[in-house]
Structure formats: structure tokens, C-alpha cells
Protein backbone atom coordinates (compact mmCIF):
# COMPACT_ATOMS: atom_id res chain seq x y z
CA MET A 1 21.32 17.31 -0.35
CA LEU A 2 19.43 14.42 1.25
CA ARG A 3 19.64 14.37 5.07
CA ILE A 4 18.84 11.17 6.98
CA LEU A 5 18.64 10.98 10.76
CA HIS A 6 19.73 7.48 11.77
CA ILE A 7 18.83 6.49 15.34
CA SER A 8 18.76 3.05 16.93
CA ASP A 9 18.36 0.91 20.04
CA LEU A 10 15.98 3.14 22.00
CA HIS A 11 15.31 0.34 24.52
CA PHE A 12 12.19 1.72 26.16
CA GLY A 13 11.99 0.08 29.55
CA PRO A 14 14.23 0.12 32.65
CA ARG A 15 17.37 1.24 30.76
CA TYR A 16 15.78 4.10 28.82
CA ILE A 17 17.09 7.57 29.83
CA PRO A 18 14.30 10.19 29.61
CA SER A 19 16.60 13.23 29.58
CA VAL A 20 18.56 11.80 26.63
CA GLY A 21 15.33 10.98 24.84
CA GLU A 22 14.22 14.61 25.15
CA ALA A 23 17.60 15.81 23.88
CA LEU A 24 17.25 13.54 20.87
CA LEU A 25 13.87 15.05 20.05
CA ARG A 26 15.42 18.52 20.16
CA SER A 27 18.24 17.45 17.86
CA ALA A 28 15.80 15.84 15.44
CA ALA A 29 13.89 19.11 15.16
CA GLU A 30 17.04 21.22 14.78
CA LEU A 31 18.67 19.01 12.14
CA ASP A 32 15.47 18.90 10.07
CA PRO A 33 16.13 15.61 8.23
CA ALA A 34 14.16 14.57 5.17
CA ILE A 35 13.94 10.97 6.42
CA ILE A 36 14.27 9.32 9.84
CA VAL A 37 15.60 5.76 10.08
CA ILE A 38 15.25 3.74 13.29
CA SER A 39 17.16 0.46 13.09
CA GLY A 40 15.48 -1.65 15.76
CA ASP A 41 15.30 -2.42 19.47
CA PHE A 42 12.49 -0.04 20.34
CA THR A 43 12.00 -1.89 23.64
CA GLN A 44 14.07 -3.66 26.25
CA ARG A 45 11.87 -6.72 26.73
CA ALA A 46 9.09 -6.50 24.11
CA LYS A 47 6.41 -5.69 26.70
CA ARG A 48 3.17 -3.94 25.79
CA ALA A 49 3.84 -0.97 28.07
CA GLN A 50 7.30 -0.51 26.54
CA PHE A 51 5.89 -0.58 23.01
CA GLN A 52 3.26 1.93 24.06
CA GLU A 53 5.99 4.29 25.30
CA ALA A 54 7.92 3.81 22.06
CA ARG A 55 4.81 4.59 19.98
CA GLU A 56 4.17 7.79 21.93
CA TYR A 57 7.80 8.80 21.41
CA LEU A 58 7.66 8.21 17.65
CA GLU A 59 4.64 10.49 17.44
CA ARG A 60 6.76 13.31 18.89
CA LEU A 61 9.42 13.07 16.19
CA PRO A 62 9.33 15.56 13.31
CA ASP A 63 6.63 14.83 10.74
CA ARG A 64 8.88 13.10 8.23
CA PRO A 65 8.87 9.67 6.57
CA VAL A 66 10.09 7.18 9.15
CA VAL A 67 11.75 3.90 8.14
CA VAL A 68 11.70 1.26 10.89
CA THR A 69 12.77 -2.32 11.40
CA PRO A 70 12.46 -4.58 14.47
CA GLY A 71 15.37 -5.67 16.64
CA ASN A 72 15.93 -8.80 18.67
CA HIS A 73 14.79 -7.00 21.84
CA ASP A 74 11.45 -6.36 20.14
CA ILE A 75 10.88 -10.14 20.17
CA PRO A 76 9.79 -11.84 23.44
CA LEU A 77 12.75 -13.72 24.85
CA TYR A 78 11.37 -15.42 27.96
CA ARG A 79 7.70 -15.60 26.91
CA ILE A 80 8.40 -18.74 24.91
CA HIS A 81 4.89 -19.32 23.55
CA GLU A 82 4.80 -15.82 22.09
CA ARG A 83 8.32 -16.13 20.69
CA ILE A 84 7.33 -19.30 18.84
CA PHE A 85 3.86 -18.40 17.58
CA THR A 86 3.45 -14.60 17.59
CA PRO A 87 6.95 -13.13 17.94
CA GLU A 88 6.23 -9.76 16.26
CA ALA A 89 2.61 -9.24 17.31
CA LEU A 90 3.26 -6.24 19.58
CA TYR A 91 5.73 -4.70 17.14
CA ARG A 92 3.10 -4.96 14.41
CA GLU A 93 0.47 -3.45 16.68
CA TYR A 94 2.47 -0.44 17.89
CA ILE A 95 5.31 0.22 15.43
CA SER A 96 4.59 -1.13 11.95
CA ASP A 97 2.38 -3.86 10.56
CA GLU A 98 4.88 -4.42 7.73
CA LEU A 99 8.20 -6.11 8.54
CA ASN A 100 9.94 -5.60 5.18
CA THR A 101 9.34 -2.20 3.61
CA VAL A 102 10.38 0.09 0.76
CA LEU A 103 10.59 3.89 0.75
CA MET A 104 11.09 5.13 -2.79
CA ARG A 105 11.99 8.68 -3.74
CA GLU A 106 13.60 10.29 -6.75
CA ASP A 107 16.87 10.65 -4.83
CA ALA A 108 16.82 7.48 -2.70
CA VAL A 109 15.40 4.00 -2.34
CA ILE A 110 15.50 2.66 1.22
CA VAL A 111 14.67 -1.00 1.87
CA ALA A 112 14.22 -2.14 5.47
CA LEU A 113 14.48 -5.88 6.15
CA ASP A 114 13.51 -7.66 9.35
CA SER A 115 16.70 -9.42 10.44
CA THR A 116 15.22 -10.92 13.60
CA SER A 117 15.19 -14.71 13.78
CA PRO A 118 13.17 -15.71 16.85
CA LEU A 119 13.77 -19.45 16.58
CA ARG A 120 17.12 -19.89 14.83
CA SER A 121 19.37 -16.90 15.61
CA ILE A 122 17.73 -14.48 18.01
CA THR A 123 20.98 -12.74 18.98
CA ASN A 124 22.86 -12.44 15.68
CA GLY A 125 19.92 -12.42 13.28
CA ARG A 126 19.65 -13.53 9.67
CA LEU A 127 18.10 -12.64 6.33
CA SER A 128 16.37 -15.12 4.04
CA ARG A 129 16.84 -15.50 0.30
CA ARG A 130 13.24 -14.34 -0.13
CA GLN A 131 14.02 -11.10 1.72
CA LEU A 132 17.09 -10.47 -0.41
CA GLU A 133 15.05 -11.01 -3.57
CA PHE A 134 12.48 -8.55 -2.17
CA ALA A 135 15.31 -6.03 -1.88
CA ARG A 136 16.58 -6.79 -5.39
CA GLU A 137 13.15 -6.17 -6.91
CA ALA A 138 12.80 -2.87 -5.05
CA PHE A 139 16.22 -1.61 -6.09
CA GLU A 140 15.61 -2.62 -9.71
CA SER A 141 12.84 0.01 -9.72
CA ALA A 142 15.15 2.73 -8.35
CA PRO A 143 15.23 6.00 -10.32
CA LYS A 144 18.52 6.63 -12.10
CA GLY A 145 21.10 8.08 -9.74
CA ALA A 146 19.04 7.38 -6.60
CA ILE A 147 21.13 6.10 -3.72
CA ARG A 148 20.29 2.57 -2.63
CA ILE A 149 20.19 2.05 1.14
CA LEU A 150 19.45 -1.10 3.14
CA VAL A 151 18.30 -0.97 6.78
CA THR A 152 18.62 -3.92 9.16
CA HIS A 153 18.96 -4.21 12.91
CA HIS A 154 21.78 -6.74 13.08
CA ASN A 155 25.31 -5.86 12.03
CA LEU A 156 27.03 -7.12 8.90
CA ALA A 157 30.49 -5.97 10.02
CA PRO A 158 32.20 -6.51 13.40
CA ALA A 159 32.87 -3.63 15.75
CA PRO A 160 36.45 -2.31 15.50
CA ASP A 161 37.10 -3.23 19.15
CA TRP A 162 35.71 -6.76 18.63
CA GLU A 163 33.91 -6.51 21.97
CA GLY A 164 30.85 -8.76 21.98
CA GLY A 165 28.43 -9.61 19.22
CA SER A 166 29.15 -11.67 16.12
CA VAL A 167 28.08 -10.56 12.67
CA MET A 168 24.78 -11.58 11.14
CA HIS A 169 24.52 -15.15 9.92
CA GLY A 170 25.81 -15.33 6.34
CA ALA A 171 27.10 -11.74 6.42
CA LYS A 172 29.82 -12.24 3.81
CA GLY A 173 27.41 -13.65 1.22
CA ILE A 174 24.83 -10.97 1.99
CA LEU A 175 27.37 -8.20 1.44
CA ARG A 176 28.47 -9.72 -1.84
CA PHE A 177 24.83 -9.82 -2.96
CA LEU A 178 24.24 -6.22 -1.88
CA ASN A 179 27.30 -5.11 -3.79
CA GLU A 180 26.03 -6.87 -6.91
CA ILE A 181 22.65 -5.11 -6.77
CA GLY A 182 24.16 -1.67 -6.19
CA VAL A 183 23.49 -1.02 -2.51
CA GLU A 184 25.75 1.82 -1.37
CA ILE A 185 24.94 2.00 2.36
CA VAL A 186 23.70 -0.35 5.08
CA LEU A 187 22.30 1.36 8.18
CA ALA A 188 22.18 -0.88 11.26
CA GLY A 189 22.42 -0.95 15.06
CA HIS A 190 22.52 -3.78 17.62
CA LEU A 191 26.08 -3.36 18.97
CA HIS A 192 25.48 -0.06 20.78
CA ARG A 193 28.35 1.98 19.37
CA ALA A 194 28.76 4.02 16.23
CA TYR A 195 31.31 2.99 13.62
CA ASN A 196 31.73 2.79 9.86
CA ALA A 197 33.05 -0.18 7.89
CA SER A 198 33.41 -1.35 4.30
CA SER A 199 32.48 -4.66 2.75
CA LEU A 200 35.87 -4.55 1.02
CA ASP A 201 37.41 -5.39 4.38
CA ILE A 202 35.29 -8.53 4.57
CA PHE A 203 35.26 -10.02 1.05
CA ASP A 204 37.77 -12.78 0.30
CA GLN A 205 38.14 -11.30 -3.18
CA HIS A 206 37.21 -7.75 -4.03
CA PRO A 207 34.48 -7.43 -6.66
CA PRO A 208 34.32 -4.45 -9.04
CA GLY A 209 33.28 -1.17 -7.47
CA GLN A 210 33.81 0.39 -4.07
CA GLY A 211 31.86 -2.12 -2.06
CA VAL A 212 29.13 -1.39 0.46
CA ARG A 213 29.52 1.23 3.18
CA ILE A 214 28.27 -0.06 6.56
CA VAL A 215 27.11 2.65 8.97
CA GLN A 216 26.39 1.53 12.52
CA ALA A 217 24.48 3.60 15.10
CA GLY A 218 24.99 3.41 18.84
CA THR A 219 22.18 3.26 21.36
CA SER A 220 20.48 6.62 21.07
CA THR A 221 18.59 6.73 24.37
CA SER A 222 19.53 3.86 26.72
CA ALA A 223 22.16 3.18 29.37
CA ARG A 224 23.48 0.23 27.37
CA GLY A 225 26.33 1.76 25.38
CA ARG A 226 29.25 -0.57 24.78
CA GLY A 227 32.93 -0.38 23.92
CA ARG A 228 34.10 3.20 23.53
CA GLU A 229 30.50 4.33 23.97
CA ARG A 230 29.97 2.61 27.30
CA ASN A 231 27.42 4.70 29.21
CA ARG A 232 27.19 7.02 26.20
CA ASN A 233 24.50 7.72 23.61
CA SER A 234 24.76 8.54 19.93
CA PHE A 235 22.99 8.85 16.60
CA ASN A 236 24.13 9.44 13.00
CA LEU A 237 23.37 12.20 10.54
CA VAL A 238 23.87 10.91 6.99
CA GLU A 239 24.04 13.55 4.24
CA ILE A 240 24.08 12.53 0.58
CA ASP A 241 24.47 14.48 -2.64
CA ASP A 242 25.26 13.45 -6.22
CA GLY A 243 28.90 12.68 -5.50
CA THR A 244 29.46 12.15 -1.77
CA ILE A 245 28.19 10.53 1.41
CA MET A 246 28.96 12.29 4.69
CA VAL A 247 28.38 10.51 8.02
CA THR A 248 28.41 12.62 11.18
CA PRO A 249 27.94 10.75 14.47
CA HIS A 250 26.52 12.89 17.29
CA LEU A 251 27.32 12.04 20.91
CA TYR A 252 25.35 13.06 24.00
CA PHE A 253 27.34 15.28 26.37
CA GLU A 254 26.05 15.59 29.91
CA GLU A 255 27.71 18.98 30.37
CA LEU A 256 25.86 20.29 27.30
CA GLY A 257 22.59 18.60 28.10
CA GLY A 258 22.37 17.57 24.47
CA PHE A 259 23.97 15.97 21.44
CA ALA A 260 26.87 17.40 19.43
CA PRO A 261 28.96 16.13 16.48
CA PHE A 262 32.10 14.27 17.50
CA SER A 263 33.51 13.08 14.18
CA ARG A 264 32.84 13.22 10.45
CA SER A 265 33.56 10.84 7.56
CA LEU A 266 33.28 11.71 3.87
CA TYR A 267 33.04 9.07 1.14
CA PRO A 268 32.59 9.23 -2.64
CA ARG A 269 29.40 7.79 -4.10
CA ALA A 270 29.68 4.28 -5.52
CA LEU A 271 31.55 3.43 -8.68
CA TYR A 272 30.06 0.73 -10.85
CA TRP A 273 31.48 -1.27 -13.70
CA ALA A 274 30.18 -0.52 -17.20
CA PRO A 275 31.39 -3.54 -19.21
CA SER A 276 30.35 -2.17 -22.60
CA GLU A 277 32.51 0.91 -22.05
CA GLY A 278 35.28 -0.74 -20.05
CA VAL A 279 35.23 1.96 -17.36
CA TYR A 280 33.95 2.71 -13.89
CA GLN A 281 31.18 5.30 -13.67
CA LEU A 282 29.90 7.34 -10.76
CA GLY A 283 26.44 6.59 -9.40
CA TRP A 284 24.40 3.46 -9.88
CA GLY A 285 22.26 3.56 -13.00
CA LYS A 286 23.43 6.96 -14.23
CA GLU A 287 23.78 7.45 -17.96
């Protein structure tokens, strides 16, 4: 079984909570994931000192492959010259020099795309056609049966409580594209509460298959939780085998001094249409 630790919205700076950050490190060690995904907003205001703190924190995580992507808070907001000309300079220096990345394994292909848009849509984000083609090319090289996962910062599905935050620009078309190229899961953050959604709830007309599962993480270490997670912190554990996807959000409990599971969702792996056989089959690319 593949285990992925999905954390997000660390927000190093004034709203970061050190005790929760330490608890997250303990949970990361105990859960022993194969991969760690961090879906953006490492800092509160994209300052050098905040990026330095985030870098030091990342070095304390378990020695596992780490998939990262920037968030809108990792782009200078008020330092206009930087936002126009060098918006991701500090992110590149401290977190990752690459903004769009691919992690390929026999059991999974994870593509992370930079959804920040410093000049056009800094709050809601967007993805370009070039980025989507980058993802298509990566997934075309996926081993047979490997799960296909996309990581962004901005959300492609609204929160169930509809409190604050619109979806990413062009979300409906992006989800249709992801469904066509066999993406099973999108891991994202931005809205500061954990929830799951399905692209089938967003399409005007349902395409073949089971759609794309959207898994949102809350803020893992800051005092910026929203909605039902106001003043709370969470992360997701995603466990995948040949037939199922299990998502277990973990919530921080002050009385425990640590994180504990607070719900669990189990989904079948994707069905895809095999026109030559006239049937649905389990698992993208399986023979």
C-alpha cells in the first residue's frame, strides 16, 4: 500500500503555531509515509526569514521524497516590484528551483503544477495550457496501473460550506481535461479546511468513468483555519492500493497535544472506458 502524507498551508510567520508544528513532525515520523506532499503557502508574507524557517522545518521531516508547489502567500503581495518581476525568487531559493515537477514511481506518478498567478489571479490562481500539456506528457509515461495524482495549491472544487474563496480560474475545463488523461486524485490546499469532492458534482455532463477525486487539506500549522476548522489544524493521510483510495484527515487536539484521525473515506480506484471491449475496467492503463 502506498501512503502519502498530505500537508498544506504552513504559513511560517506571525500565524504559525510552533507547538502544532512539532506535533506534525511527530505524526510524520509515526505514520512513516512513502511520499510527503506539501500543497503550498509555506509562508505568510513571502519574506526571506519566513522562507528560511520553512526550509529548516522541511529538513526535519522524515527522509522521504517531498513533492511541493507554491501558494499565493509564497508570492510577494505588497512588494509590487518583486511581484511583477521576480515573484518566485525566494521560493526558488529556499523551497524548490522547479515550479512544475514530476515524481514517477512504479505505483504512482505525481505531477505538481504551480497554480499561482501573480499578475492575473493572485487569490484564486490559474493553470496554463502549457502546464496542462506538461501534465499530459508526464502521465502518458506512467507505468501501467500507477495512480495518477495532480498537486496544486488552489482549489478546483468549492468548500462544502461555501465560506470564502472561489474555485481556480477555469476549474470546470481543467477537471474535464484531468478526467480525460486519467488523473484519479487532485491534492490541494488554500481554503484552510479538509474536505473531499468529486468532479462529477461539477461537470455539466458526466463523462465516462468515475471522475476526479479532489482531496483538500486544511492549514496544518497556522492559526488560520476556516469554516468548521476555524482555529483548528489538520493534514491528510492518503493510502492507495490496487483497488481503493482511503483518505484519513487528522485533526490537532489540544487536550492530546497532537494529531488524531477524525474521519475516514474509502473510494474505489478509477474506472476507465475501454471502447474496443465495450466495458469499464479498473485502473488506468491496466491490461
